[in-house]
Amino acid sequence: MLGVLYAALGALTFAFNNVAMRRGVVTGSVLQGMAMTVPIGGLSFLVIALALGELGQLTVFPAVAVAWLAGQGIVHFVLGRYCNYKSNQLMGVNLSAPVVQLQVPVAMMLAVLTLHEKFTVLQTIGSVLMLGGSFVTQTKTATPRSKPASATGPTATPAFRPHVVSGYLLALGAAFCYGASPLMARQAFLATPGAGTAAAGCLAYAAATLFFALILLKPGSWHDIKSVSRENLPWFLSSAVLVAVSQAFVYASLAVAPLMVVTPILQLSLVFRLFLSQAINRKHEVMNAAVIIGAFTAVLGSLLVSIDTDMLTTQLALPSALGDFLRHRLAGG
């Protein structure tokens, strides 16, 4: 029960993080947001490692594991996060989140190809539902035109116009990065059995921070970061704290509950994001029936992909023929 609670809190705080970042990049820049979330995330993991007594484990990782963790940090915390934030800026969380959620089948397919894990008919159905849900959200994306201002009334605020094509491509980039990074971390842990996750997170974030620091060498980058407005600063700071808190809840849930229980619950972040974005970013999001249907379809698909096929068929007491069909392996050992 405690693992379920931690996973639900992780999903909720992750949704808050995305909505807060979306609000910040409405008038701010993605670079400003990343300049806060990447270093603060690293400091947060350093504090967690210190609290758990894992600082001494920073030296136990062999060179190959450090290389995998460094790659994972750069791919997830820099490249994937940039694509995610930029997609949020271009078309809003409601449209980008179901596409980014495709990281689940991406991770599964990469696990099949690299670790020879099984991929069943049930997971294939879930992947198709997720892909379909991400496409459904992109239909009817036009927002209502703003009402014309009266002769004496204030000037009407233009409605949010999503940039669907570029936003969709960036969201797919985020999905690939987020889907690939767990496999890289998995390779690191295979090379270092029993290593602490907080210590591994410190190494990943250290590499991400160093890589991100190279971006500051680009002319104008440092000026862009320093020009963050007072209006956006609280949103960026809250997003930086929330992303670290959400990751802490995920680690806590995995410490007391099986992965097959935690992973489906984490997919609820997509539903939380719908309600939070409507409450906080109503003027900066697209909300219609297609978005709602697509989001819930994507959640259903992610549940089918991440849940254990044998457990599902047993709990639902499915007929043996249907159960055998759903657990049939299409790929993997």
C-alpha atoms as a PDB file:
ATOM      1  CA  MET A   1       0.000   0.000   0.000  1.00  0.00           C
ATOM      2  CA  LEU A   2       2.859   2.389   0.815  1.00  0.00           C
ATOM      3  CA  GLY A   3       4.443   1.754  -2.585  1.00  0.00           C
ATOM      4  CA  VAL A   4       1.154   2.587  -4.315  1.00  0.00           C
ATOM      5  CA  LEU A   5       0.923   5.854  -2.350  1.00  0.00           C
ATOM      6  CA  TYR A   6       4.501   6.819  -3.228  1.00  0.00           C
ATOM      7  CA  ALA A   7       3.917   6.036  -6.914  1.00  0.00           C
ATOM      8  CA  ALA A   8       0.701   8.093  -6.971  1.00  0.00           C
ATOM      9  CA  LEU A   9       2.488  11.020  -5.327  1.00  0.00           C
ATOM     10  CA  GLY A  10       5.284  10.646  -7.873  1.00  0.00           C
ATOM     11  CA  ALA A  11       2.764  10.824 -10.730  1.00  0.00           C
ATOM     12  CA  LEU A  12       1.058  13.854  -9.186  1.00  0.00           C
ATOM     13  CA  THR A  13       4.269  15.813  -8.535  1.00  0.00           C
ATOM     14  CA  PHE A  14       5.564  14.972 -12.010  1.00  0.00           C
ATOM     15  CA  ALA A  15       2.333  16.359 -13.475  1.00  0.00           C
ATOM     16  CA  PHE A  16       2.719  19.513 -11.354  1.00  0.00           C
ATOM     17  CA  ASN A  17       6.288  19.828 -12.633  1.00  0.00           C
ATOM     18  CA  ASN A  18       5.184  19.725 -16.274  1.00  0.00           C
ATOM     19  CA  VAL A  19       2.378  22.210 -15.745  1.00  0.00           C
ATOM     20  CA  ALA A  20       4.645  24.632 -13.844  1.00  0.00           C
ATOM     21  CA  MET A  21       7.295  24.423 -16.567  1.00  0.00           C
ATOM     22  CA  ARG A  22       4.649  24.973 -19.236  1.00  0.00           C
ATOM     23  CA  ARG A  23       3.541  28.160 -17.474  1.00  0.00           C
ATOM     24  CA  GLY A  24       7.145  29.358 -17.303  1.00  0.00           C
ATOM     25  CA  VAL A  25       7.951  28.812 -20.983  1.00  0.00           C
ATOM     26  CA  VAL A  26       4.807  30.636 -22.133  1.00  0.00           C
ATOM     27  CA  THR A  27       6.773  33.894 -21.917  1.00  0.00           C
ATOM     28  CA  GLY A  28      10.195  32.580 -20.858  1.00  0.00           C
ATOM     29  CA  SER A  29      12.689  30.369 -22.662  1.00  0.00           C
ATOM     30  CA  VAL A  30      13.409  26.654 -22.454  1.00  0.00           C
ATOM     31  CA  LEU A  31      17.048  27.457 -21.715  1.00  0.00           C
ATOM     32  CA  GLN A  32      16.004  29.428 -18.618  1.00  0.00           C
ATOM     33  CA  GLY A  33      13.986  26.483 -17.328  1.00  0.00           C
ATOM     34  CA  MET A  34      16.756  23.958 -17.893  1.00  0.00           C
ATOM     35  CA  ALA A  35      19.335  26.225 -16.242  1.00  0.00           C
ATOM     36  CA  MET A  36      17.394  25.706 -13.009  1.00  0.00           C
ATOM     37  CA  THR A  37      16.072  22.148 -13.257  1.00  0.00           C
ATOM     38  CA  VAL A  38      19.363  20.455 -14.210  1.00  0.00           C
ATOM     39  CA  PRO A  39      21.655  21.850 -11.466  1.00  0.00           C
ATOM     40  CA  ILE A  40      18.946  21.779  -8.773  1.00  0.00           C
ATOM     41  CA  GLY A  41      18.170  18.167  -9.696  1.00  0.00           C
ATOM     42  CA  GLY A  42      21.820  17.286  -9.228  1.00  0.00           C
ATOM     43  CA  LEU A  43      21.965  19.000  -5.836  1.00  0.00           C
ATOM     44  CA  SER A  44      18.766  17.212  -4.795  1.00  0.00           C
ATOM     45  CA  PHE A  45      20.223  13.800  -5.602  1.00  0.00           C
ATOM     46  CA  LEU A  46      23.403  14.737  -3.763  1.00  0.00           C
ATOM     47  CA  VAL A  47      21.326  15.466  -0.654  1.00  0.00           C
ATOM     48  CA  ILE A  48      19.411  12.184  -1.092  1.00  0.00           C
ATOM     49  CA  ALA A  49      22.665  10.219  -1.455  1.00  0.00           C
ATOM     50  CA  LEU A  50      24.021  11.917   1.659  1.00  0.00           C
ATOM     51  CA  ALA A  51      20.852  11.120   3.624  1.00  0.00           C
ATOM     52  CA  LEU A  52      20.944   7.474   2.522  1.00  0.00           C
ATOM     53  CA  GLY A  53      24.657   7.127   3.209  1.00  0.00           C
ATOM     54  CA  GLU A  54      25.470   6.380  -0.440  1.00  0.00           C
ATOM     55  CA  LEU A  55      28.135   9.016  -1.073  1.00  0.00           C
ATOM     56  CA  GLY A  56      30.834   6.413  -0.526  1.00  0.00           C
ATOM     57  CA  GLN A  57      29.401   4.363  -3.410  1.00  0.00           C
ATOM     58  CA  LEU A  58      30.301   7.035  -5.944  1.00  0.00           C
ATOM     59  CA  THR A  59      33.701   5.364  -6.317  1.00  0.00           C
ATOM     60  CA  VAL A  60      32.478   1.767  -6.685  1.00  0.00           C
ATOM     61  CA  PHE A  61      31.180   2.186 -10.239  1.00  0.00           C
ATOM     62  CA  PRO A  62      33.598   0.847 -12.877  1.00  0.00           C
ATOM     63  CA  ALA A  63      34.460   2.988 -15.889  1.00  0.00           C
ATOM     64  CA  VAL A  64      31.928   1.244 -18.135  1.00  0.00           C
ATOM     65  CA  ALA A  65      29.126   1.888 -15.633  1.00  0.00           C
ATOM     66  CA  VAL A  66      30.142   5.545 -15.264  1.00  0.00           C
ATOM     67  CA  ALA A  67      30.057   5.863 -19.043  1.00  0.00           C
ATOM     68  CA  TRP A  68      26.543   4.404 -19.208  1.00  0.00           C
ATOM     69  CA  LEU A  69      25.333   6.675 -16.388  1.00  0.00           C
ATOM     70  CA  ALA A  70      26.923   9.728 -17.988  1.00  0.00           C
ATOM     71  CA  GLY A  71      25.210   8.893 -21.272  1.00  0.00           C
ATOM     72  CA  GLN A  72      21.914   8.320 -19.473  1.00  0.00           C
ATOM     73  CA  GLY A  73      22.167  11.679 -17.710  1.00  0.00           C
ATOM     74  CA  ILE A  74      22.896  13.571 -20.920  1.00  0.00           C
ATOM     75  CA  VAL A  75      20.209  11.782 -22.949  1.00  0.00           C
ATOM     76  CA  HIS A  76      17.481  12.037 -20.286  1.00  0.00           C
ATOM     77  CA  PHE A  77      18.167  15.236 -18.326  1.00  0.00           C
ATOM     78  CA  VAL A  78      19.463  17.393 -21.180  1.00  0.00           C
ATOM     79  CA  LEU A  79      18.378  16.147 -24.613  1.00  0.00           C
ATOM     80  CA  GLY A  80      15.076  14.556 -23.580  1.00  0.00           C
ATOM     81  CA  ARG A  81      14.197  17.371 -21.208  1.00  0.00           C
ATOM     82  CA  TYR A  82      14.926  20.014 -23.856  1.00  0.00           C
ATOM     83  CA  CYS A  83      12.685  18.247 -26.380  1.00  0.00           C
ATOM     84  CA  ASN A  84       9.955  17.848 -23.761  1.00  0.00           C
ATOM     85  CA  TYR A  85      10.061  21.483 -22.598  1.00  0.00           C
ATOM     86  CA  LYS A  86      10.251  22.842 -26.134  1.00  0.00           C
ATOM     87  CA  SER A  87       7.317  20.673 -27.219  1.00  0.00           C
ATOM     88  CA  ASN A  88       5.346  21.952 -24.216  1.00  0.00           C
ATOM     89  CA  GLN A  89       6.148  25.502 -25.282  1.00  0.00           C
ATOM     90  CA  LEU A  90       5.072  24.940 -28.882  1.00  0.00           C
ATOM     91  CA  MET A  91       1.811  23.046 -28.419  1.00  0.00           C
ATOM     92  CA  GLY A  92       1.070  22.800 -24.690  1.00  0.00           C
ATOM     93  CA  VAL A  93       1.157  19.938 -22.200  1.00  0.00           C
ATOM     94  CA  ASN A  94      -2.243  18.534 -23.180  1.00  0.00           C
ATOM     95  CA  LEU A  95      -1.082  17.835 -26.746  1.00  0.00           C
ATOM     96  CA  SER A  96       2.545  16.917 -26.092  1.00  0.00           C
ATOM     97  CA  ALA A  97       2.128  14.654 -23.039  1.00  0.00           C
ATOM     98  CA  PRO A  98       0.393  11.710 -24.817  1.00  0.00           C
ATOM     99  CA  VAL A  99       3.145  11.738 -27.459  1.00  0.00           C
ATOM    100  CA  VAL A 100       5.926  11.857 -24.851  1.00  0.00           C
ATOM    101  CA  GLN A 101       4.173   8.946 -23.123  1.00  0.00           C
ATOM    102  CA  LEU A 102       5.238   6.787 -26.073  1.00  0.00           C
ATOM    103  CA  GLN A 103       8.475   6.415 -24.114  1.00  0.00           C
ATOM    104  CA  VAL A 104       6.900   3.299 -22.549  1.00  0.00           C
ATOM    105  CA  PRO A 105       6.683   1.196 -25.755  1.00  0.00           C
ATOM    106  CA  VAL A 106       9.997   2.691 -26.909  1.00  0.00           C
ATOM    107  CA  ALA A 107      11.633   1.407 -23.727  1.00  0.00           C
ATOM    108  CA  MET A 108       9.974  -1.984 -24.159  1.00  0.00           C
ATOM    109  CA  MET A 109      11.123  -2.365 -27.758  1.00  0.00           C
ATOM    110  CA  LEU A 110      14.679  -1.334 -26.890  1.00  0.00           C
ATOM    111  CA  ALA A 111      14.639  -3.826 -24.011  1.00  0.00           C
ATOM    112  CA  VAL A 112      13.643  -6.545 -26.464  1.00  0.00           C
ATOM    113  CA  LEU A 113      16.410  -5.606 -28.892  1.00  0.00           C
ATOM    114  CA  THR A 114      19.217  -5.086 -26.365  1.00  0.00           C
ATOM    115  CA  LEU A 115      18.307  -7.182 -23.306  1.00  0.00           C
ATOM    116  CA  HIS A 116      16.199  -9.819 -25.127  1.00  0.00           C
ATOM    117  CA  GLU A 117      13.216  -9.247 -22.828  1.00  0.00           C
ATOM    118  CA  LYS A 118       9.823 -10.590 -23.874  1.00  0.00           C
ATOM    119  CA  PHE A 119       7.232  -8.579 -25.833  1.00  0.00           C
ATOM    120  CA  THR A 120       3.757 -10.095 -25.806  1.00  0.00           C
ATOM    121  CA  VAL A 121       0.543  -9.638 -27.787  1.00  0.00           C
ATOM    122  CA  LEU A 122      -0.915  -7.681 -24.845  1.00  0.00           C
ATOM    123  CA  GLN A 123       1.987  -5.232 -24.929  1.00  0.00           C
ATOM    124  CA  THR A 124       1.567  -4.880 -28.681  1.00  0.00           C
ATOM    125  CA  ILE A 125      -2.101  -3.963 -28.194  1.00  0.00           C
ATOM    126  CA  GLY A 126      -1.077  -1.432 -25.547  1.00  0.00           C
ATOM    127  CA  SER A 127       1.517   0.119 -27.861  1.00  0.00           C
ATOM    128  CA  VAL A 128      -1.062   0.482 -30.637  1.00  0.00           C
ATOM    129  CA  LEU A 129      -3.483   2.157 -28.204  1.00  0.00           C
ATOM    130  CA  MET A 130      -0.787   4.567 -27.043  1.00  0.00           C
ATOM    131  CA  LEU A 131       0.167   5.457 -30.595  1.00  0.00           C
ATOM    132  CA  GLY A 132      -3.500   5.885 -31.517  1.00  0.00           C
ATOM    133  CA  GLY A 133      -4.110   8.050 -28.445  1.00  0.00           C
ATOM    134  CA  SER A 134      -1.208  10.333 -29.320  1.00  0.00           C
ATOM    135  CA  PHE A 135      -2.619  10.835 -32.828  1.00  0.00           C
ATOM    136  CA  VAL A 136      -6.168  11.414 -31.584  1.00  0.00           C
ATOM    137  CA  THR A 137      -5.016  14.336 -29.438  1.00  0.00           C
ATOM    138  CA  GLN A 138      -3.680  16.077 -32.548  1.00  0.00           C
ATOM    139  CA  THR A 139      -7.093  16.193 -34.254  1.00  0.00           C
ATOM    140  CA  LYS A 140      -9.170  19.370 -34.018  1.00  0.00           C
ATOM    141  CA  THR A 141      -6.342  21.285 -32.399  1.00  0.00           C
ATOM    142  CA  ALA A 142      -7.557  24.694 -33.472  1.00  0.00           C
ATOM    143  CA  THR A 143      -8.649  26.851 -30.574  1.00  0.00           C
ATOM    144  CA  PRO A 144     -11.681  29.169 -30.652  1.00  0.00           C
ATOM    145  CA  ARG A 145     -10.970  32.608 -31.946  1.00  0.00           C
ATOM    146  CA  SER A 146     -10.796  35.277 -29.303  1.00  0.00           C
ATOM    147  CA  LYS A 147     -13.807  37.515 -29.049  1.00  0.00           C
ATOM    148  CA  PRO A 148     -13.400  40.929 -30.652  1.00  0.00           C
ATOM    149  CA  ALA A 149     -12.922  43.756 -28.212  1.00  0.00           C
ATOM    150  CA  SER A 150     -15.727  46.253 -27.803  1.00  0.00           C
ATOM    151  CA  ALA A 151     -15.224  49.898 -28.594  1.00  0.00           C
ATOM    152  CA  THR A 152     -14.738  50.695 -24.932  1.00  0.00           C
ATOM    153  CA  GLY A 153     -13.545  47.346 -23.673  1.00  0.00           C
ATOM    154  CA  PRO A 154      -9.982  46.088 -23.293  1.00  0.00           C
ATOM    155  CA  THR A 155      -8.063  44.527 -26.143  1.00  0.00           C
ATOM    156  CA  ALA A 156      -8.872  40.831 -26.537  1.00  0.00           C
ATOM    157  CA  THR A 157      -6.120  38.362 -25.688  1.00  0.00           C
ATOM    158  CA  PRO A 158      -5.213  36.169 -28.683  1.00  0.00           C
ATOM    159  CA  ALA A 159      -6.096  32.499 -28.245  1.00  0.00           C
ATOM    160  CA  PHE A 160      -3.254  30.000 -27.967  1.00  0.00           C
ATOM    161  CA  ARG A 161      -2.300  28.606 -31.387  1.00  0.00           C
ATOM    162  CA  PRO A 162      -0.348  25.334 -31.131  1.00  0.00           C
ATOM    163  CA  HIS A 163       2.534  24.584 -33.519  1.00  0.00           C
ATOM    164  CA  VAL A 164       1.587  20.950 -34.012  1.00  0.00           C
ATOM    165  CA  VAL A 165       4.161  19.665 -36.530  1.00  0.00           C
ATOM    166  CA  SER A 166       7.306  20.945 -34.816  1.00  0.00           C
ATOM    167  CA  GLY A 167       5.831  20.256 -31.381  1.00  0.00           C
ATOM    168  CA  TYR A 168       4.955  16.686 -32.352  1.00  0.00           C
ATOM    169  CA  LEU A 169       8.453  15.977 -33.708  1.00  0.00           C
ATOM    170  CA  LEU A 170      10.070  17.316 -30.533  1.00  0.00           C
ATOM    171  CA  ALA A 171       7.685  15.266 -28.386  1.00  0.00           C
ATOM    172  CA  LEU A 172       8.703  12.160 -30.333  1.00  0.00           C
ATOM    173  CA  GLY A 173      12.337  13.090 -29.682  1.00  0.00           C
ATOM    174  CA  ALA A 174      11.576  13.334 -25.966  1.00  0.00           C
ATOM    175  CA  ALA A 175       9.797   9.965 -26.049  1.00  0.00           C
ATOM    176  CA  PHE A 176      12.808   8.308 -27.664  1.00  0.00           C
ATOM    177  CA  CYS A 177      15.267   9.892 -25.197  1.00  0.00           C
ATOM    178  CA  TYR A 178      13.123   9.059 -22.167  1.00  0.00           C
ATOM    179  CA  GLY A 179      12.570   5.543 -23.477  1.00  0.00           C
ATOM    180  CA  ALA A 180      16.252   4.915 -24.140  1.00  0.00           C
ATOM    181  CA  SER A 181      17.623   6.299 -20.867  1.00  0.00           C
ATOM    182  CA  PRO A 182      16.291   3.515 -18.559  1.00  0.00           C
ATOM    183  CA  LEU A 183      18.070   0.943 -20.707  1.00  0.00           C
ATOM    184  CA  MET A 184      21.322   2.868 -20.315  1.00  0.00           C
ATOM    185  CA  ALA A 185      20.858   2.993 -16.541  1.00  0.00           C
ATOM    186  CA  ARG A 186      20.025  -0.713 -16.568  1.00  0.00           C
ATOM    187  CA  GLN A 187      23.318  -1.473 -18.315  1.00  0.00           C
ATOM    188  CA  ALA A 188      25.154   0.510 -15.631  1.00  0.00           C
ATOM    189  CA  PHE A 189      23.495  -1.471 -12.827  1.00  0.00           C
ATOM    190  CA  LEU A 190      24.236  -4.761 -14.593  1.00  0.00           C
ATOM    191  CA  ALA A 191      27.905  -3.763 -14.509  1.00  0.00           C
ATOM    192  CA  THR A 192      27.661  -2.785 -10.814  1.00  0.00           C
ATOM    193  CA  PRO A 193      25.306  -5.159  -8.946  1.00  0.00           C
ATOM    194  CA  GLY A 194      24.056  -3.784  -5.639  1.00  0.00           C
ATOM    195  CA  ALA A 195      25.040  -0.183  -6.350  1.00  0.00           C
ATOM    196  CA  GLY A 196      22.913   2.564  -4.805  1.00  0.00           C
ATOM    197  CA  THR A 197      20.384   4.314  -7.032  1.00  0.00           C
ATOM    198  CA  ALA A 198      20.957   7.727  -5.404  1.00  0.00           C
ATOM    199  CA  ALA A 199      24.704   7.476  -6.039  1.00  0.00           C
ATOM    200  CA  ALA A 200      23.977   6.528  -9.655  1.00  0.00           C
ATOM    201  CA  GLY A 201      21.647   9.519  -9.948  1.00  0.00           C
ATOM    202  CA  CYS A 202      24.430  11.807  -8.694  1.00  0.00           C
ATOM    203  CA  LEU A 203      26.773  10.585 -11.435  1.00  0.00           C
ATOM    204  CA  ALA A 204      24.099  10.929 -14.121  1.00  0.00           C
ATOM    205  CA  TYR A 205      23.192  14.453 -13.036  1.00  0.00           C
ATOM    206  CA  ALA A 206      26.871  15.455 -12.758  1.00  0.00           C
ATOM    207  CA  ALA A 207      27.419  14.486 -16.398  1.00  0.00           C
ATOM    208  CA  ALA A 208      24.208  16.262 -17.427  1.00  0.00           C
ATOM    209  CA  THR A 209      25.232  19.434 -15.591  1.00  0.00           C
ATOM    210  CA  LEU A 210      28.692  19.453 -17.174  1.00  0.00           C
ATOM    211  CA  PHE A 211      27.202  18.875 -20.622  1.00  0.00           C
ATOM    212  CA  PHE A 212      24.650  21.622 -20.097  1.00  0.00           C
ATOM    213  CA  ALA A 213      27.429  23.979 -18.981  1.00  0.00           C
ATOM    214  CA  LEU A 214      28.922  23.658 -22.476  1.00  0.00           C
ATOM    215  CA  ILE A 215      25.764  25.279 -23.846  1.00  0.00           C
ATOM    216  CA  LEU A 216      26.696  28.435 -21.968  1.00  0.00           C
ATOM    217  CA  LEU A 217      29.622  28.810 -24.361  1.00  0.00           C
ATOM    218  CA  LYS A 218      27.156  29.632 -27.110  1.00  0.00           C
ATOM    219  CA  PRO A 219      26.975  33.420 -27.577  1.00  0.00           C
ATOM    220  CA  GLY A 220      23.881  34.903 -25.953  1.00  0.00           C
ATOM    221  CA  SER A 221      23.032  31.846 -23.815  1.00  0.00           C
ATOM    222  CA  TRP A 222      24.207  33.304 -20.513  1.00  0.00           C
ATOM    223  CA  HIS A 223      22.421  36.588 -21.232  1.00  0.00           C
ATOM    224  CA  ASP A 224      19.218  34.647 -21.974  1.00  0.00           C
ATOM    225  CA  ILE A 225      19.420  32.807 -18.657  1.00  0.00           C
ATOM    226  CA  LYS A 226      20.108  35.982 -16.651  1.00  0.00           C
ATOM    227  CA  SER A 227      17.178  37.785 -18.271  1.00  0.00           C
ATOM    228  CA  VAL A 228      14.558  35.495 -16.693  1.00  0.00           C
ATOM    229  CA  SER A 229      11.628  37.603 -15.525  1.00  0.00           C
ATOM    230  CA  ARG A 230      10.343  37.799 -11.968  1.00  0.00           C
ATOM    231  CA  GLU A 231       7.020  36.440 -13.223  1.00  0.00           C
ATOM    232  CA  ASN A 232       8.586  33.251 -14.592  1.00  0.00           C
ATOM    233  CA  LEU A 233      11.173  32.671 -11.859  1.00  0.00           C
ATOM    234  CA  PRO A 234       8.731  31.082  -9.340  1.00  0.00           C
ATOM    235  CA  TRP A 235       7.398  28.698 -12.012  1.00  0.00           C
ATOM    236  CA  PHE A 236      10.884  27.573 -13.052  1.00  0.00           C
ATOM    237  CA  LEU A 237      12.025  27.154  -9.439  1.00  0.00           C
ATOM    238  CA  SER A 238       8.908  25.200  -8.466  1.00  0.00           C
ATOM    239  CA  SER A 239       9.356  22.969 -11.516  1.00  0.00           C
ATOM    240  CA  ALA A 240      12.981  22.309 -10.556  1.00  0.00           C
ATOM    241  CA  VAL A 241      11.992  21.315  -7.019  1.00  0.00           C
ATOM    242  CA  LEU A 242       8.988  19.268  -8.136  1.00  0.00           C
ATOM    243  CA  VAL A 243      10.939  17.203 -10.664  1.00  0.00           C
ATOM    244  CA  ALA A 244      13.425  16.266  -7.940  1.00  0.00           C
ATOM    245  CA  VAL A 245      10.596  15.446  -5.497  1.00  0.00           C
ATOM    246  CA  SER A 246       8.827  13.293  -8.110  1.00  0.00           C
ATOM    247  CA  GLN A 247      12.010  11.324  -8.793  1.00  0.00           C
ATOM    248  CA  ALA A 248      12.470  10.810  -5.040  1.00  0.00           C
ATOM    249  CA  PHE A 249       8.917   9.437  -4.776  1.00  0.00           C
ATOM    250  CA  VAL A 250       9.573   7.085  -7.708  1.00  0.00           C
ATOM    251  CA  TYR A 251      12.725   5.720  -6.062  1.00  0.00           C
ATOM    252  CA  ALA A 252      10.847   5.359  -2.746  1.00  0.00           C
ATOM    253  CA  SER A 253       8.023   3.455  -4.431  1.00  0.00           C
ATOM    254  CA  LEU A 254      10.439   1.119  -6.211  1.00  0.00           C
ATOM    255  CA  ALA A 255      12.126   0.404  -2.878  1.00  0.00           C
ATOM    256  CA  VAL A 256       8.940  -1.038  -1.354  1.00  0.00           C
ATOM    257  CA  ALA A 257       6.839  -2.203  -4.333  1.00  0.00           C
ATOM    258  CA  PRO A 258       7.424  -4.272  -7.491  1.00  0.00           C
ATOM    259  CA  LEU A 259       8.076  -2.523 -10.809  1.00  0.00           C
ATOM    260  CA  MET A 260       4.893  -4.067 -12.259  1.00  0.00           C
ATOM    261  CA  VAL A 261       2.867  -2.214  -9.604  1.00  0.00           C
ATOM    262  CA  VAL A 262       4.711   1.105  -9.713  1.00  0.00           C
ATOM    263  CA  THR A 263       4.960   1.603 -13.478  1.00  0.00           C
ATOM    264  CA  PRO A 264       1.200   1.505 -14.272  1.00  0.00           C
ATOM    265  CA  ILE A 265       0.419   3.939 -11.455  1.00  0.00           C
ATOM    266  CA  LEU A 266       3.021   6.397 -12.733  1.00  0.00           C
ATOM    267  CA  GLN A 267       1.100   6.597 -16.017  1.00  0.00           C
ATOM    268  CA  LEU A 268      -1.659   8.439 -14.144  1.00  0.00           C
ATOM    269  CA  SER A 269       0.495  11.553 -14.441  1.00  0.00           C
ATOM    270  CA  LEU A 270      -1.061  12.017 -17.891  1.00  0.00           C
ATOM    271  CA  VAL A 271      -4.541  12.282 -16.334  1.00  0.00           C
ATOM    272  CA  PHE A 272      -3.326  14.558 -13.541  1.00  0.00           C
ATOM    273  CA  ARG A 273      -1.789  16.847 -16.154  1.00  0.00           C
ATOM    274  CA  LEU A 274      -5.122  17.327 -17.892  1.00  0.00           C
ATOM    275  CA  PHE A 275      -6.834  18.612 -14.761  1.00  0.00           C
ATOM    276  CA  LEU A 276      -3.869  20.659 -13.533  1.00  0.00           C
ATOM    277  CA  SER A 277      -3.296  22.321 -16.898  1.00  0.00           C
ATOM    278  CA  GLN A 278      -6.970  23.209 -17.056  1.00  0.00           C
ATOM    279  CA  ALA A 279      -6.783  24.740 -13.582  1.00  0.00           C
ATOM    280  CA  ILE A 280      -3.469  26.590 -14.010  1.00  0.00           C
ATOM    281  CA  ASN A 281      -2.863  27.064 -17.742  1.00  0.00           C
ATOM    282  CA  ARG A 282      -6.389  27.257 -19.134  1.00  0.00           C
ATOM    283  CA  LYS A 283      -5.510  30.105 -21.515  1.00  0.00           C
ATOM    284  CA  HIS A 284      -2.363  28.402 -22.781  1.00  0.00           C
ATOM    285  CA  GLU A 285      -3.630  24.900 -23.561  1.00  0.00           C
ATOM    286  CA  VAL A 286      -5.828  23.115 -26.073  1.00  0.00           C
ATOM    287  CA  MET A 287      -8.707  21.290 -24.386  1.00  0.00           C
ATOM    288  CA  ASN A 288     -11.398  19.439 -26.306  1.00  0.00           C
ATOM    289  CA  ALA A 289     -12.988  15.999 -26.568  1.00  0.00           C
ATOM    290  CA  ALA A 290     -10.153  14.691 -28.782  1.00  0.00           C
ATOM    291  CA  VAL A 291      -7.536  15.635 -26.181  1.00  0.00           C
ATOM    292  CA  ILE A 292      -9.463  13.915 -23.370  1.00  0.00           C
ATOM    293  CA  ILE A 293     -10.177  10.753 -25.395  1.00  0.00           C
ATOM    294  CA  GLY A 294      -6.610  10.582 -26.665  1.00  0.00           C
ATOM    295  CA  ALA A 295      -5.148  11.039 -23.189  1.00  0.00           C
ATOM    296  CA  PHE A 296      -7.244   8.301 -21.599  1.00  0.00           C
ATOM    297  CA  THR A 297      -6.553   5.992 -24.571  1.00  0.00           C
ATOM    298  CA  ALA A 298      -2.831   6.578 -24.107  1.00  0.00           C
ATOM    299  CA  VAL A 299      -3.128   5.844 -20.373  1.00  0.00           C
ATOM    300  CA  LEU A 300      -4.968   2.580 -21.097  1.00  0.00           C
ATOM    301  CA  GLY A 301      -2.302   1.631 -23.620  1.00  0.00           C
ATOM    302  CA  SER A 302       0.532   2.412 -21.208  1.00  0.00           C
ATOM    303  CA  LEU A 303      -1.131   0.254 -18.557  1.00  0.00           C
ATOM    304  CA  LEU A 304      -1.342  -2.694 -20.959  1.00  0.00           C
ATOM    305  CA  VAL A 305       2.287  -2.232 -21.995  1.00  0.00           C
ATOM    306  CA  SER A 306       3.703  -1.976 -18.483  1.00  0.00           C
ATOM    307  CA  ILE A 307       1.560  -4.471 -16.557  1.00  0.00           C
ATOM    308  CA  ASP A 308       2.677  -8.087 -16.268  1.00  0.00           C
ATOM    309  CA  THR A 309       0.692 -10.209 -18.749  1.00  0.00           C
ATOM    310  CA  ASP A 310       0.543 -13.302 -16.520  1.00  0.00           C
ATOM    311  CA  MET A 311      -0.688 -11.249 -13.552  1.00  0.00           C
ATOM    312  CA  LEU A 312      -3.401  -9.567 -15.642  1.00  0.00           C
ATOM    313  CA  THR A 313      -4.740 -12.803 -17.099  1.00  0.00           C
ATOM    314  CA  THR A 314      -4.749 -14.411 -13.646  1.00  0.00           C
ATOM    315  CA  GLN A 315      -6.435 -11.502 -11.841  1.00  0.00           C
ATOM    316  CA  LEU A 316      -9.150 -11.164 -14.518  1.00  0.00           C
ATOM    317  CA  ALA A 317      -9.631 -14.956 -14.697  1.00  0.00           C
ATOM    318  CA  LEU A 318      -9.579 -14.815 -18.482  1.00  0.00           C
ATOM    319  CA  PRO A 319     -10.354 -17.945 -20.515  1.00  0.00           C
ATOM    320  CA  SER A 320      -7.228 -20.011 -21.065  1.00  0.00           C
ATOM    321  CA  ALA A 321      -7.349 -19.541 -24.847  1.00  0.00           C
ATOM    322  CA  LEU A 322      -7.522 -15.734 -24.517  1.00  0.00           C
ATOM    323  CA  GLY A 323      -4.829 -15.740 -21.847  1.00  0.00           C
ATOM    324  CA  ASP A 324      -2.506 -17.827 -24.013  1.00  0.00           C
ATOM    325  CA  PHE A 325      -3.116 -15.458 -26.919  1.00  0.00           C
ATOM    326  CA  LEU A 326      -2.348 -12.307 -24.881  1.00  0.00           C
ATOM    327  CA  ARG A 327       0.823 -13.757 -23.353  1.00  0.00           C
ATOM    328  CA  HIS A 328       2.101 -15.100 -26.675  1.00  0.00           C
ATOM    329  CA  ARG A 329       5.598 -13.726 -27.243  1.00  0.00           C
ATOM    330  CA  LEU A 330       6.103 -11.870 -30.477  1.00  0.00           C
ATOM    331  CA  ALA A 331       9.741 -11.120 -29.639  1.00  0.00           C
ATOM    332  CA  GLY A 332      12.258 -11.609 -26.871  1.00  0.00           C
ATOM    333  CA  GLY A 333      13.688 -14.553 -25.063  1.00  0.00           C
END
